[in-house]
Amino acid sequence: MKRLSICVALLIGSVSVRGFQTVAADETPRTIEIQAAKYSFTPAEITLTKSETVKLVVSSEDVTHSLAIPDLHVNVLAKKGQPGEVTLTPDTVGDFKGKCGHFCGMGHGSMKFVVHVKASE
């Protein structure tokens, strides 16, 4: 029984996996809302702090879109009226480019997004 308790405690705590950390049960991540519409994201850029846990909520005003940020392992689908969300904790400082990952029309290629991750203070 002690082994099971230890395993459960480790799973509930903060665990790093592929550059991200899960949120401990008592933490509430900051929420950032992102609107997707033909053919842009609003806001088109966000700034995060290294090791800060955030929840991205992506909503679509028209058709299905996705916010894909490959270097942060993010790809969240947003259908009209059905927001998608993802929680992440970046562990690397830098600028990470994103785009719409679901074809949404002729202007699809212009849907760009940037995440700036700055060092912890």
PDB file of N, CA and C in Angstrom:
ATOM      1  N   MET A   1       0.823  -1.195   0.000  1.00  0.00           N
ATOM      2  CA  MET A   1       0.000   0.000   0.000  1.00  0.00           C
ATOM      3  C   MET A   1       0.860   1.250   0.000  1.00  0.00           C
ATOM      4  N   LYS A   2       2.035   1.194   0.673  1.00  0.00           N
ATOM      5  CA  LYS A   2       2.916   2.355   0.711  1.00  0.00           C
ATOM      6  C   LYS A   2       3.407   2.703  -0.682  1.00  0.00           C
ATOM      7  N   ARG A   3       3.722   1.696  -1.500  1.00  0.00           N
ATOM      8  CA  ARG A   3       4.194   1.950  -2.864  1.00  0.00           C
ATOM      9  C   ARG A   3       3.120   2.656  -3.683  1.00  0.00           C
ATOM     10  N   LEU A   4       1.871   2.231  -3.549  1.00  0.00           N
ATOM     11  CA  LEU A   4       0.774   2.861  -4.255  1.00  0.00           C
ATOM     12  C   LEU A   4       0.638   4.319  -3.837  1.00  0.00           C
ATOM     13  N   SER A   5       0.746   4.609  -2.548  1.00  0.00           N
ATOM     14  CA  SER A   5       0.649   5.979  -2.048  1.00  0.00           C
ATOM     15  C   SER A   5       1.758   6.848  -2.609  1.00  0.00           C
ATOM     16  N   ILE A   6       2.958   6.302  -2.677  1.00  0.00           N
ATOM     17  CA  ILE A   6       4.088   7.059  -3.223  1.00  0.00           C
ATOM     18  C   ILE A   6       3.862   7.333  -4.698  1.00  0.00           C
ATOM     19  N   CYS A   7       3.401   6.356  -5.464  1.00  0.00           N
ATOM     20  CA  CYS A   7       3.131   6.553  -6.888  1.00  0.00           C
ATOM     21  C   CYS A   7       2.062   7.613  -7.103  1.00  0.00           C
ATOM     22  N   VAL A   8       0.990   7.550  -6.325  1.00  0.00           N
ATOM     23  CA  VAL A   8      -0.069   8.542  -6.447  1.00  0.00           C
ATOM     24  C   VAL A   8       0.458   9.926  -6.104  1.00  0.00           C
ATOM     25  N   ALA A   9       1.266  10.053  -5.066  1.00  0.00           N
ATOM     26  CA  ALA A   9       1.832  11.348  -4.684  1.00  0.00           C
ATOM     27  C   ALA A   9       2.711  11.896  -5.792  1.00  0.00           C
ATOM     28  N   LEU A  10       3.478  11.040  -6.436  1.00  0.00           N
ATOM     29  CA  LEU A  10       4.327  11.497  -7.535  1.00  0.00           C
ATOM     30  C   LEU A  10       3.501  11.955  -8.720  1.00  0.00           C
ATOM     31  N   LEU A  11       2.405  11.268  -9.008  1.00  0.00           N
ATOM     32  CA  LEU A  11       1.555  11.660 -10.122  1.00  0.00           C
ATOM     33  C   LEU A  11       0.829  12.964  -9.857  1.00  0.00           C
ATOM     34  N   ILE A  12       0.434  13.212  -8.632  1.00  0.00           N
ATOM     35  CA  ILE A  12      -0.284  14.438  -8.289  1.00  0.00           C
ATOM     36  C   ILE A  12       0.656  15.633  -8.267  1.00  0.00           C
ATOM     37  N   GLY A  13       1.889  15.439  -7.880  1.00  0.00           N
ATOM     38  CA  GLY A  13       2.864  16.525  -7.815  1.00  0.00           C
ATOM     39  C   GLY A  13       3.259  17.007  -9.190  1.00  0.00           C
ATOM     40  N   SER A  14       4.162  17.949  -9.252  1.00  0.00           N
ATOM     41  CA  SER A  14       4.621  18.516 -10.511  1.00  0.00           C
ATOM     42  C   SER A  14       5.639  17.581 -11.151  1.00  0.00           C
ATOM     43  N   VAL A  15       5.352  17.138 -12.367  1.00  0.00           N
ATOM     44  CA  VAL A  15       6.208  16.188 -13.059  1.00  0.00           C
ATOM     45  C   VAL A  15       6.574  16.749 -14.426  1.00  0.00           C
ATOM     46  N   SER A  16       7.855  16.721 -14.779  1.00  0.00           N
ATOM     47  CA  SER A  16       8.300  17.222 -16.072  1.00  0.00           C
ATOM     48  C   SER A  16       8.264  16.099 -17.105  1.00  0.00           C
ATOM     49  N   VAL A  17       7.604  16.369 -18.245  1.00  0.00           N
ATOM     50  CA  VAL A  17       7.539  15.400 -19.327  1.00  0.00           C
ATOM     51  C   VAL A  17       7.755  16.131 -20.644  1.00  0.00           C
ATOM     52  N   ARG A  18       8.817  15.778 -21.366  1.00  0.00           N
ATOM     53  CA  ARG A  18       9.122  16.370 -22.662  1.00  0.00           C
ATOM     54  C   ARG A  18       9.065  17.892 -22.642  1.00  0.00           C
ATOM     55  N   GLY A  19       9.639  18.505 -21.619  1.00  0.00           N
ATOM     56  CA  GLY A  19       9.713  19.953 -21.579  1.00  0.00           C
ATOM     57  C   GLY A  19       8.517  20.650 -20.976  1.00  0.00           C
ATOM     58  N   PHE A  20       7.556  19.905 -20.487  1.00  0.00           N
ATOM     59  CA  PHE A  20       6.380  20.502 -19.886  1.00  0.00           C
ATOM     60  C   PHE A  20       6.183  19.912 -18.509  1.00  0.00           C
ATOM     61  N   GLN A  21       5.467  20.640 -17.683  1.00  0.00           N
ATOM     62  CA  GLN A  21       5.167  20.154 -16.346  1.00  0.00           C
ATOM     63  C   GLN A  21       3.662  20.123 -16.174  1.00  0.00           C
ATOM     64  N   THR A  22       3.188  19.102 -15.479  1.00  0.00           N
ATOM     65  CA  THR A  22       1.774  19.088 -15.131  1.00  0.00           C
ATOM     66  C   THR A  22       1.579  20.080 -13.989  1.00  0.00           C
ATOM     67  N   VAL A  23       0.372  20.522 -13.792  1.00  0.00           N
ATOM     68  CA  VAL A  23       0.078  21.484 -12.746  1.00  0.00           C
ATOM     69  C   VAL A  23      -0.272  20.725 -11.475  1.00  0.00           C
ATOM     70  N   ALA A  24       0.351  21.084 -10.364  1.00  0.00           N
ATOM     71  CA  ALA A  24       0.020  20.474  -9.084  1.00  0.00           C
ATOM     72  C   ALA A  24      -1.442  20.766  -8.770  1.00  0.00           C
ATOM     73  N   ALA A  25      -2.056  19.905  -7.993  1.00  0.00           N
ATOM     74  CA  ALA A  25      -3.489  20.000  -7.717  1.00  0.00           C
ATOM     75  C   ALA A  25      -3.898  21.340  -7.113  1.00  0.00           C
ATOM     76  N   ASP A  26      -3.006  22.002  -6.365  1.00  0.00           N
ATOM     77  CA  ASP A  26      -3.376  23.243  -5.697  1.00  0.00           C
ATOM     78  C   ASP A  26      -3.034  24.490  -6.512  1.00  0.00           C
ATOM     79  N   GLU A  27      -2.494  24.349  -7.725  1.00  0.00           N
ATOM     80  CA  GLU A  27      -2.145  25.492  -8.555  1.00  0.00           C
ATOM     81  C   GLU A  27      -3.244  25.753  -9.589  1.00  0.00           C
ATOM     82  N   THR A  28      -3.503  27.026  -9.872  1.00  0.00           N
ATOM     83  CA  THR A  28      -4.425  27.405 -10.924  1.00  0.00           C
ATOM     84  C   THR A  28      -3.636  28.182 -11.963  1.00  0.00           C
ATOM     85  N   PRO A  29      -3.512  27.649 -13.173  1.00  0.00           N
ATOM     86  CA  PRO A  29      -2.718  28.345 -14.182  1.00  0.00           C
ATOM     87  C   PRO A  29      -3.416  29.606 -14.690  1.00  0.00           C
ATOM     88  N   ARG A  30      -2.624  30.554 -15.133  1.00  0.00           N
ATOM     89  CA  ARG A  30      -3.154  31.757 -15.783  1.00  0.00           C
ATOM     90  C   ARG A  30      -3.784  31.330 -17.101  1.00  0.00           C
ATOM     91  N   THR A  31      -4.938  31.895 -17.436  1.00  0.00           N
ATOM     92  CA  THR A  31      -5.640  31.574 -18.673  1.00  0.00           C
ATOM     93  C   THR A  31      -5.447  32.698 -19.683  1.00  0.00           C
ATOM     94  N   ILE A  32      -5.084  32.313 -20.913  1.00  0.00           N
ATOM     95  CA  ILE A  32      -4.941  33.261 -22.013  1.00  0.00           C
ATOM     96  C   ILE A  32      -5.932  32.853 -23.086  1.00  0.00           C
ATOM     97  N   GLU A  33      -6.828  33.777 -23.442  1.00  0.00           N
ATOM     98  CA  GLU A  33      -7.827  33.498 -24.470  1.00  0.00           C
ATOM     99  C   GLU A  33      -7.330  33.996 -25.815  1.00  0.00           C
ATOM    100  N   ILE A  34      -7.464  33.149 -26.837  1.00  0.00           N
ATOM    101  CA  ILE A  34      -7.009  33.454 -28.184  1.00  0.00           C
ATOM    102  C   ILE A  34      -8.187  33.227 -29.127  1.00  0.00           C
ATOM    103  N   GLN A  35      -8.511  34.241 -29.923  1.00  0.00           N
ATOM    104  CA  GLN A  35      -9.602  34.150 -30.890  1.00  0.00           C
ATOM    105  C   GLN A  35      -9.012  33.854 -32.272  1.00  0.00           C
ATOM    106  N   ALA A  36      -9.564  32.861 -32.940  1.00  0.00           N
ATOM    107  CA  ALA A  36      -9.175  32.528 -34.307  1.00  0.00           C
ATOM    108  C   ALA A  36     -10.324  32.889 -35.230  1.00  0.00           C
ATOM    109  N   ALA A  37     -10.009  33.565 -36.323  1.00  0.00           N
ATOM    110  CA  ALA A  37     -11.003  33.919 -37.331  1.00  0.00           C
ATOM    111  C   ALA A  37     -10.271  34.061 -38.653  1.00  0.00           C
ATOM    112  N   LYS A  38     -10.984  33.873 -39.741  1.00  0.00           N
ATOM    113  CA  LYS A  38     -10.338  34.007 -41.046  1.00  0.00           C
ATOM    114  C   LYS A  38      -9.712  35.382 -41.118  1.00  0.00           C
ATOM    115  N   TYR A  39      -8.520  35.577 -41.247  1.00  0.00           N
ATOM    116  CA  TYR A  39      -7.373  34.683 -41.299  1.00  0.00           C
ATOM    117  C   TYR A  39      -6.325  35.200 -40.341  1.00  0.00           C
ATOM    118  N   SER A  40      -6.662  35.184 -39.032  1.00  0.00           N
ATOM    119  CA  SER A  40      -5.738  35.712 -38.029  1.00  0.00           C
ATOM    120  C   SER A  40      -6.068  35.164 -36.648  1.00  0.00           C
ATOM    121  N   PHE A  41      -5.098  35.328 -35.752  1.00  0.00           N
ATOM    122  CA  PHE A  41      -5.294  35.054 -34.337  1.00  0.00           C
ATOM    123  C   PHE A  41      -5.272  36.380 -33.597  1.00  0.00           C
ATOM    124  N   THR A  42      -6.110  36.516 -32.572  1.00  0.00           N
ATOM    125  CA  THR A  42      -6.100  37.705 -31.732  1.00  0.00           C
ATOM    126  C   THR A  42      -6.050  37.265 -30.288  1.00  0.00           C
ATOM    127  N   PRO A  43      -4.979  37.595 -29.568  1.00  0.00           N
ATOM    128  CA  PRO A  43      -3.778  38.282 -30.033  1.00  0.00           C
ATOM    129  C   PRO A  43      -2.945  37.366 -30.928  1.00  0.00           C
ATOM    130  N   ALA A  44      -2.053  37.965 -31.709  1.00  0.00           N
ATOM    131  CA  ALA A  44      -1.183  37.193 -32.600  1.00  0.00           C
ATOM    132  C   ALA A  44       0.147  36.869 -31.934  1.00  0.00           C
ATOM    133  N   GLU A  45       0.411  37.484 -30.779  1.00  0.00           N
ATOM    134  CA  GLU A  45       1.631  37.224 -30.017  1.00  0.00           C
ATOM    135  C   GLU A  45       1.296  37.243 -28.535  1.00  0.00           C
ATOM    136  N   ILE A  46       1.957  36.352 -27.787  1.00  0.00           N
ATOM    137  CA  ILE A  46       1.837  36.368 -26.329  1.00  0.00           C
ATOM    138  C   ILE A  46       3.229  36.208 -25.731  1.00  0.00           C
ATOM    139  N   THR A  47       3.378  36.666 -24.499  1.00  0.00           N
ATOM    140  CA  THR A  47       4.646  36.526 -23.789  1.00  0.00           C
ATOM    141  C   THR A  47       4.407  35.733 -22.518  1.00  0.00           C
ATOM    142  N   LEU A  48       5.213  34.683 -22.349  1.00  0.00           N
ATOM    143  CA  LEU A  48       5.156  33.832 -21.165  1.00  0.00           C
ATOM    144  C   LEU A  48       6.486  33.901 -20.455  1.00  0.00           C
ATOM    145  N   THR A  49       6.505  33.468 -19.221  1.00  0.00           N
ATOM    146  CA  THR A  49       7.729  33.374 -18.439  1.00  0.00           C
ATOM    147  C   THR A  49       8.117  31.905 -18.340  1.00  0.00           C
ATOM    148  N   LYS A  50       9.402  31.632 -18.497  1.00  0.00           N
ATOM    149  CA  LYS A  50       9.895  30.261 -18.365  1.00  0.00           C
ATOM    150  C   LYS A  50       9.407  29.676 -17.041  1.00  0.00           C
ATOM    151  N   SER A  51       8.929  28.456 -17.074  1.00  0.00           N
ATOM    152  CA  SER A  51       8.413  27.704 -15.926  1.00  0.00           C
ATOM    153  C   SER A  51       7.047  28.181 -15.441  1.00  0.00           C
ATOM    154  N   GLU A  52       6.421  29.108 -16.139  1.00  0.00           N
ATOM    155  CA  GLU A  52       5.071  29.560 -15.788  1.00  0.00           C
ATOM    156  C   GLU A  52       4.049  28.631 -16.454  1.00  0.00           C
ATOM    157  N   THR A  53       3.144  28.113 -15.682  1.00  0.00           N
ATOM    158  CA  THR A  53       2.094  27.265 -16.233  1.00  0.00           C
ATOM    159  C   THR A  53       0.944  28.151 -16.689  1.00  0.00           C
ATOM    160  N   VAL A  54       0.515  27.956 -17.929  1.00  0.00           N
ATOM    161  CA  VAL A  54      -0.604  28.722 -18.489  1.00  0.00           C
ATOM    162  C   VAL A  54      -1.571  27.779 -19.185  1.00  0.00           C
ATOM    163  N   LYS A  55      -2.808  28.232 -19.275  1.00  0.00           N
ATOM    164  CA  LYS A  55      -3.817  27.507 -20.044  1.00  0.00           C
ATOM    165  C   LYS A  55      -4.189  28.389 -21.222  1.00  0.00           C
ATOM    166  N   LEU A  56      -4.025  27.853 -22.435  1.00  0.00           N
ATOM    167  CA  LEU A  56      -4.436  28.556 -23.643  1.00  0.00           C
ATOM    168  C   LEU A  56      -5.821  28.060 -24.022  1.00  0.00           C
ATOM    169  N   VAL A  57      -6.748  28.995 -24.216  1.00  0.00           N
ATOM    170  CA  VAL A  57      -8.099  28.666 -24.651  1.00  0.00           C
ATOM    171  C   VAL A  57      -8.289  29.303 -26.021  1.00  0.00           C
ATOM    172  N   VAL A  58      -8.479  28.458 -27.037  1.00  0.00           N
ATOM    173  CA  VAL A  58      -8.593  28.928 -28.416  1.00  0.00           C
ATOM    174  C   VAL A  58     -10.046  28.786 -28.858  1.00  0.00           C
ATOM    175  N   SER A  59     -10.628  29.914 -29.302  1.00  0.00           N
ATOM    176  CA  SER A  59     -12.011  29.940 -29.773  1.00  0.00           C
ATOM    177  C   SER A  59     -12.040  30.323 -31.240  1.00  0.00           C
ATOM    178  N   SER A  60     -13.012  29.791 -31.973  1.00  0.00           N
ATOM    179  CA  SER A  60     -13.183  30.136 -33.380  1.00  0.00           C
ATOM    180  C   SER A  60     -14.471  30.911 -33.569  1.00  0.00           C
ATOM    181  N   GLU A  61     -14.380  31.956 -34.367  1.00  0.00           N
ATOM    182  CA  GLU A  61     -15.561  32.774 -34.656  1.00  0.00           C
ATOM    183  C   GLU A  61     -16.277  32.328 -35.924  1.00  0.00           C
ATOM    184  N   ASP A  62     -15.634  31.466 -36.731  1.00  0.00           N
ATOM    185  CA  ASP A  62     -16.236  31.140 -38.020  1.00  0.00           C
ATOM    186  C   ASP A  62     -16.157  29.652 -38.369  1.00  0.00           C
ATOM    187  N   VAL A  63     -14.987  29.161 -38.718  1.00  0.00           N
ATOM    188  CA  VAL A  63     -14.829  27.766 -39.129  1.00  0.00           C
ATOM    189  C   VAL A  63     -13.835  27.075 -38.204  1.00  0.00           C
ATOM    190  N   THR A  64     -13.562  25.809 -38.442  1.00  0.00           N
ATOM    191  CA  THR A  64     -12.600  25.079 -37.624  1.00  0.00           C
ATOM    192  C   THR A  64     -11.184  25.571 -37.905  1.00  0.00           C
ATOM    193  N   HIS A  65     -10.458  25.842 -36.825  1.00  0.00           N
ATOM    194  CA  HIS A  65      -9.052  26.239 -36.877  1.00  0.00           C
ATOM    195  C   HIS A  65      -8.298  25.387 -35.862  1.00  0.00           C
ATOM    196  N   SER A  66      -6.988  25.466 -35.903  1.00  0.00           N
ATOM    197  CA  SER A  66      -6.199  24.929 -34.797  1.00  0.00           C
ATOM    198  C   SER A  66      -5.002  25.839 -34.597  1.00  0.00           C
ATOM    199  N   LEU A  67      -4.537  25.894 -33.373  1.00  0.00           N
ATOM    200  CA  LEU A  67      -3.315  26.627 -33.065  1.00  0.00           C
ATOM    201  C   LEU A  67      -2.213  25.590 -32.904  1.00  0.00           C
ATOM    202  N   ALA A  68      -1.277  25.587 -33.840  1.00  0.00           N
ATOM    203  CA  ALA A  68      -0.178  24.622 -33.830  1.00  0.00           C
ATOM    204  C   ALA A  68       1.126  25.370 -33.566  1.00  0.00           C
ATOM    205  N   ILE A  69       1.811  24.993 -32.481  1.00  0.00           N
ATOM    206  CA  ILE A  69       3.118  25.552 -32.128  1.00  0.00           C
ATOM    207  C   ILE A  69       4.040  24.347 -31.932  1.00  0.00           C
ATOM    208  N   PRO A  70       4.634  23.855 -33.018  1.00  0.00           N
ATOM    209  CA  PRO A  70       5.374  22.595 -32.966  1.00  0.00           C
ATOM    210  C   PRO A  70       6.467  22.528 -31.901  1.00  0.00           C
ATOM    211  N   ASP A  71       7.255  23.574 -31.746  1.00  0.00           N
ATOM    212  CA  ASP A  71       8.368  23.527 -30.794  1.00  0.00           C
ATOM    213  C   ASP A  71       7.920  23.517 -29.340  1.00  0.00           C
ATOM    214  N   LEU A  72       6.650  23.831 -29.086  1.00  0.00           N
ATOM    215  CA  LEU A  72       6.099  23.738 -27.730  1.00  0.00           C
ATOM    216  C   LEU A  72       5.162  22.541 -27.602  1.00  0.00           C
ATOM    217  N   HIS A  73       5.100  21.714 -28.641  1.00  0.00           N
ATOM    218  CA  HIS A  73       4.259  20.516 -28.658  1.00  0.00           C
ATOM    219  C   HIS A  73       2.786  20.865 -28.427  1.00  0.00           C
ATOM    220  N   VAL A  74       2.343  21.962 -29.067  1.00  0.00           N
ATOM    221  CA  VAL A  74       0.959  22.420 -28.939  1.00  0.00           C
ATOM    222  C   VAL A  74       0.256  22.256 -30.279  1.00  0.00           C
ATOM    223  N   ASN A  75      -0.915  21.670 -30.268  1.00  0.00           N
ATOM    224  CA  ASN A  75      -1.810  21.639 -31.417  1.00  0.00           C
ATOM    225  C   ASN A  75      -3.214  21.481 -30.859  1.00  0.00           C
ATOM    226  N   VAL A  76      -3.913  22.594 -30.749  1.00  0.00           N
ATOM    227  CA  VAL A  76      -5.237  22.589 -30.127  1.00  0.00           C
ATOM    228  C   VAL A  76      -6.287  22.990 -31.166  1.00  0.00           C
ATOM    229  N   LEU A  77      -7.307  22.154 -31.319  1.00  0.00           N
ATOM    230  CA  LEU A  77      -8.367  22.340 -32.294  1.00  0.00           C
ATOM    231  C   LEU A  77      -9.479  23.199 -31.698  1.00  0.00           C
ATOM    232  N   ALA A  78      -9.976  24.135 -32.511  1.00  0.00           N
ATOM    233  CA  ALA A  78     -11.100  24.983 -32.087  1.00  0.00           C
ATOM    234  C   ALA A  78     -12.132  25.011 -33.200  1.00  0.00           C
ATOM    235  N   LYS A  79     -13.311  24.483 -32.901  1.00  0.00           N
ATOM    236  CA  LYS A  79     -14.418  24.537 -33.842  1.00  0.00           C
ATOM    237  C   LYS A  79     -15.305  25.712 -33.454  1.00  0.00           C
ATOM    238  N   LYS A  80     -16.067  26.219 -34.412  1.00  0.00           N
ATOM    239  CA  LYS A  80     -16.984  27.319 -34.121  1.00  0.00           C
ATOM    240  C   LYS A  80     -17.889  26.922 -32.963  1.00  0.00           C
ATOM    241  N   GLY A  81     -17.846  27.713 -31.891  1.00  0.00           N
ATOM    242  CA  GLY A  81     -18.675  27.451 -30.725  1.00  0.00           C
ATOM    243  C   GLY A  81     -18.147  26.369 -29.794  1.00  0.00           C
ATOM    244  N   GLN A  82     -17.005  25.760 -30.133  1.00  0.00           N
ATOM    245  CA  GLN A  82     -16.422  24.703 -29.306  1.00  0.00           C
ATOM    246  C   GLN A  82     -14.941  25.003 -29.074  1.00  0.00           C
ATOM    247  N   PRO A  83     -14.615  25.835 -28.081  1.00  0.00           N
ATOM    248  CA  PRO A  83     -13.215  26.185 -27.841  1.00  0.00           C
ATOM    249  C   PRO A  83     -12.383  24.957 -27.478  1.00  0.00           C
ATOM    250  N   GLY A  84     -11.103  25.029 -27.815  1.00  0.00           N
ATOM    251  CA  GLY A  84     -10.148  24.009 -27.410  1.00  0.00           C
ATOM    252  C   GLY A  84      -9.202  24.617 -26.400  1.00  0.00           C
ATOM    253  N   GLU A  85      -8.607  23.783 -25.564  1.00  0.00           N
ATOM    254  CA  GLU A  85      -7.675  24.314 -24.581  1.00  0.00           C
ATOM    255  C   GLU A  85      -6.525  23.357 -24.342  1.00  0.00           C
ATOM    256  N   VAL A  86      -5.409  23.934 -23.909  1.00  0.00           N
ATOM    257  CA  VAL A  86      -4.216  23.170 -23.590  1.00  0.00           C
ATOM    258  C   VAL A  86      -3.491  23.886 -22.458  1.00  0.00           C
ATOM    259  N   THR A  87      -2.932  23.119 -21.539  1.00  0.00           N
ATOM    260  CA  THR A  87      -2.134  23.679 -20.451  1.00  0.00           C
ATOM    261  C   THR A  87      -0.676  23.318 -20.702  1.00  0.00           C
ATOM    262  N   LEU A  88       0.210  24.300 -20.575  1.00  0.00           N
ATOM    263  CA  LEU A  88       1.618  24.043 -20.805  1.00  0.00           C
ATOM    264  C   LEU A  88       2.495  24.862 -19.875  1.00  0.00           C
ATOM    265  N   THR A  89       3.724  24.396 -19.719  1.00  0.00           N
ATOM    266  CA  THR A  89       4.737  25.084 -18.931  1.00  0.00           C
ATOM    267  C   THR A  89       6.028  25.070 -19.734  1.00  0.00           C
ATOM    268  N   PRO A  90       6.344  26.158 -20.435  1.00  0.00           N
ATOM    269  CA  PRO A  90       7.562  26.168 -21.254  1.00  0.00           C
ATOM    270  C   PRO A  90       8.809  26.125 -20.376  1.00  0.00           C
ATOM    271  N   ASP A  91       9.807  25.361 -20.818  1.00  0.00           N
ATOM    272  CA  ASP A  91      11.042  25.261 -20.046  1.00  0.00           C
ATOM    273  C   ASP A  91      12.243  25.816 -20.793  1.00  0.00           C
ATOM    274  N   THR A  92      12.005  26.487 -21.929  1.00  0.00           N
ATOM    275  CA  THR A  92      13.069  27.057 -22.740  1.00  0.00           C
ATOM    276  C   THR A  92      12.724  28.498 -23.083  1.00  0.00           C
ATOM    277  N   VAL A  93      13.712  29.381 -22.957  1.00  0.00           N
ATOM    278  CA  VAL A  93      13.545  30.778 -23.335  1.00  0.00           C
ATOM    279  C   VAL A  93      13.700  30.897 -24.849  1.00  0.00           C
ATOM    280  N   GLY A  94      12.890  31.753 -25.481  1.00  0.00           N
ATOM    281  CA  GLY A  94      13.015  31.973 -26.921  1.00  0.00           C
ATOM    282  C   GLY A  94      11.700  32.382 -27.530  1.00  0.00           C
ATOM    283  N   ASP A  95      11.717  32.486 -28.850  1.00  0.00           N
ATOM    284  CA  ASP A  95      10.525  32.819 -29.617  1.00  0.00           C
ATOM    285  C   ASP A  95      10.089  31.568 -30.372  1.00  0.00           C
ATOM    286  N   PHE A  96       8.810  31.231 -30.270  1.00  0.00           N
ATOM    287  CA  PHE A  96       8.284  30.007 -30.847  1.00  0.00           C
ATOM    288  C   PHE A  96       7.157  30.360 -31.810  1.00  0.00           C
ATOM    289  N   LYS A  97       7.318  29.963 -33.064  1.00  0.00           N
ATOM    290  CA  LYS A  97       6.351  30.306 -34.105  1.00  0.00           C
ATOM    291  C   LYS A  97       5.227  29.286 -34.161  1.00  0.00           C
ATOM    292  N   GLY A  98       4.020  29.832 -34.335  1.00  0.00           N
ATOM    293  CA  GLY A  98       2.842  29.001 -34.472  1.00  0.00           C
ATOM    294  C   GLY A  98       2.071  29.387 -35.715  1.00  0.00           C
ATOM    295  N   LYS A  99       1.075  28.575 -36.043  1.00  0.00           N
ATOM    296  CA  LYS A  99       0.248  28.816 -37.221  1.00  0.00           C
ATOM    297  C   LYS A  99      -1.060  28.060 -37.056  1.00  0.00           C
ATOM    298  N   CYS A 100      -1.970  28.296 -37.981  1.00  0.00           N
ATOM    299  CA  CYS A 100      -3.194  27.515 -38.010  1.00  0.00           C
ATOM    300  C   CYS A 100      -2.842  26.147 -38.577  1.00  0.00           C
ATOM    301  N   GLY A 101      -3.190  25.109 -37.849  1.00  0.00           N
ATOM    302  CA  GLY A 101      -2.855  23.757 -38.264  1.00  0.00           C
ATOM    303  C   GLY A 101      -3.999  23.023 -38.946  1.00  0.00           C
ATOM    304  N   HIS A 102      -5.076  23.724 -39.260  1.00  0.00           N
ATOM    305  CA  HIS A 102      -6.227  23.113 -39.919  1.00  0.00           C
ATOM    306  C   HIS A 102      -6.629  24.008 -41.083  1.00  0.00           C
ATOM    307  N   PHE A 103      -6.607  23.471 -42.294  1.00  0.00           N
ATOM    308  CA  PHE A 103      -6.908  24.304 -43.463  1.00  0.00           C
ATOM    309  C   PHE A 103      -8.273  24.966 -43.304  1.00  0.00           C
ATOM    310  N   CYS A 104      -8.278  26.304 -43.462  1.00  0.00           N
ATOM    311  CA  CYS A 104      -9.504  27.065 -43.208  1.00  0.00           C
ATOM    312  C   CYS A 104      -9.896  27.985 -44.360  1.00  0.00           C
ATOM    313  N   GLY A 105      -9.214  27.870 -45.489  1.00  0.00           N
ATOM    314  CA  GLY A 105      -9.564  28.706 -46.636  1.00  0.00           C
ATOM    315  C   GLY A 105      -8.330  29.283 -47.297  1.00  0.00           C
ATOM    316  N   MET A 106      -8.550  30.141 -48.276  1.00  0.00           N
ATOM    317  CA  MET A 106      -7.456  30.666 -49.092  1.00  0.00           C
ATOM    318  C   MET A 106      -6.425  31.478 -48.292  1.00  0.00           C
ATOM    319  N   GLY A 107      -6.802  32.108 -47.212  1.00  0.00           N
ATOM    320  CA  GLY A 107      -5.867  32.895 -46.408  1.00  0.00           C
ATOM    321  C   GLY A 107      -5.235  32.116 -45.269  1.00  0.00           C
ATOM    322  N   HIS A 108      -5.430  30.817 -45.262  1.00  0.00           N
ATOM    323  CA  HIS A 108      -4.930  29.946 -44.200  1.00  0.00           C
ATOM    324  C   HIS A 108      -3.447  30.178 -43.899  1.00  0.00           C
ATOM    325  N   GLY A 109      -2.633  30.319 -44.914  1.00  0.00           N
ATOM    326  CA  GLY A 109      -1.186  30.477 -44.736  1.00  0.00           C
ATOM    327  C   GLY A 109      -0.786  31.755 -44.023  1.00  0.00           C
ATOM    328  N   SER A 110      -1.685  32.719 -43.937  1.00  0.00           N
ATOM    329  CA  SER A 110      -1.348  33.985 -43.273  1.00  0.00           C
ATOM    330  C   SER A 110      -1.650  33.964 -41.774  1.00  0.00           C
ATOM    331  N   MET A 111      -2.195  32.862 -41.278  1.00  0.00           N
ATOM    332  CA  MET A 111      -2.533  32.777 -39.853  1.00  0.00           C
ATOM    333  C   MET A 111      -1.286  32.397 -39.061  1.00  0.00           C
ATOM    334  N   LYS A 112      -0.592  33.407 -38.565  1.00  0.00           N
ATOM    335  CA  LYS A 112       0.659  33.218 -37.822  1.00  0.00           C
ATOM    336  C   LYS A 112       0.450  33.590 -36.363  1.00  0.00           C
ATOM    337  N   PHE A 113       1.289  32.988 -35.505  1.00  0.00           N
ATOM    338  CA  PHE A 113       1.214  33.216 -34.056  1.00  0.00           C
ATOM    339  C   PHE A 113       2.622  33.095 -33.495  1.00  0.00           C
ATOM    340  N   VAL A 114       2.943  33.885 -32.483  1.00  0.00           N
ATOM    341  CA  VAL A 114       4.269  33.823 -31.868  1.00  0.00           C
ATOM    342  C   VAL A 114       4.130  33.798 -30.345  1.00  0.00           C
ATOM    343  N   VAL A 115       4.878  32.888 -29.726  1.00  0.00           N
ATOM    344  CA  VAL A 115       4.973  32.843 -28.262  1.00  0.00           C
ATOM    345  C   VAL A 115       6.393  33.259 -27.900  1.00  0.00           C
ATOM    346  N   HIS A 116       6.506  34.328 -27.130  1.00  0.00           N
ATOM    347  CA  HIS A 116       7.792  34.772 -26.609  1.00  0.00           C
ATOM    348  C   HIS A 116       7.899  34.225 -25.190  1.00  0.00           C
ATOM    349  N   VAL A 117       8.953  33.473 -24.907  1.00  0.00           N
ATOM    350  CA  VAL A 117       9.180  32.955 -23.559  1.00  0.00           C
ATOM    351  C   VAL A 117      10.414  33.653 -23.022  1.00  0.00           C
ATOM    352  N   LYS A 118      10.223  34.393 -21.910  1.00  0.00           N
ATOM    353  CA  LYS A 118      11.317  35.136 -21.291  1.00  0.00           C
ATOM    354  C   LYS A 118      11.800  34.412 -20.045  1.00  0.00           C
ATOM    355  N   ALA A 119      12.991  34.769 -19.609  1.00  0.00           N
ATOM    356  CA  ALA A 119      13.579  34.157 -18.428  1.00  0.00           C
ATOM    357  C   ALA A 119      12.804  34.537 -17.177  1.00  0.00           C
ATOM    358  N   SER A 120      12.805  33.652 -16.194  1.00  0.00           N
ATOM    359  CA  SER A 120      12.183  33.951 -14.903  1.00  0.00           C
ATOM    360  C   SER A 120      12.959  35.050 -14.222  1.00  0.00           C
ATOM    361  N   GLU A 121      12.250  35.904 -13.501  1.00  0.00           N
ATOM    362  CA  GLU A 121      12.938  37.015 -12.811  1.00  0.00           C
ATOM    363  C   GLU A 121      13.243  36.664 -11.387  1.00  0.00           C
TER     364      GLU A 121
END
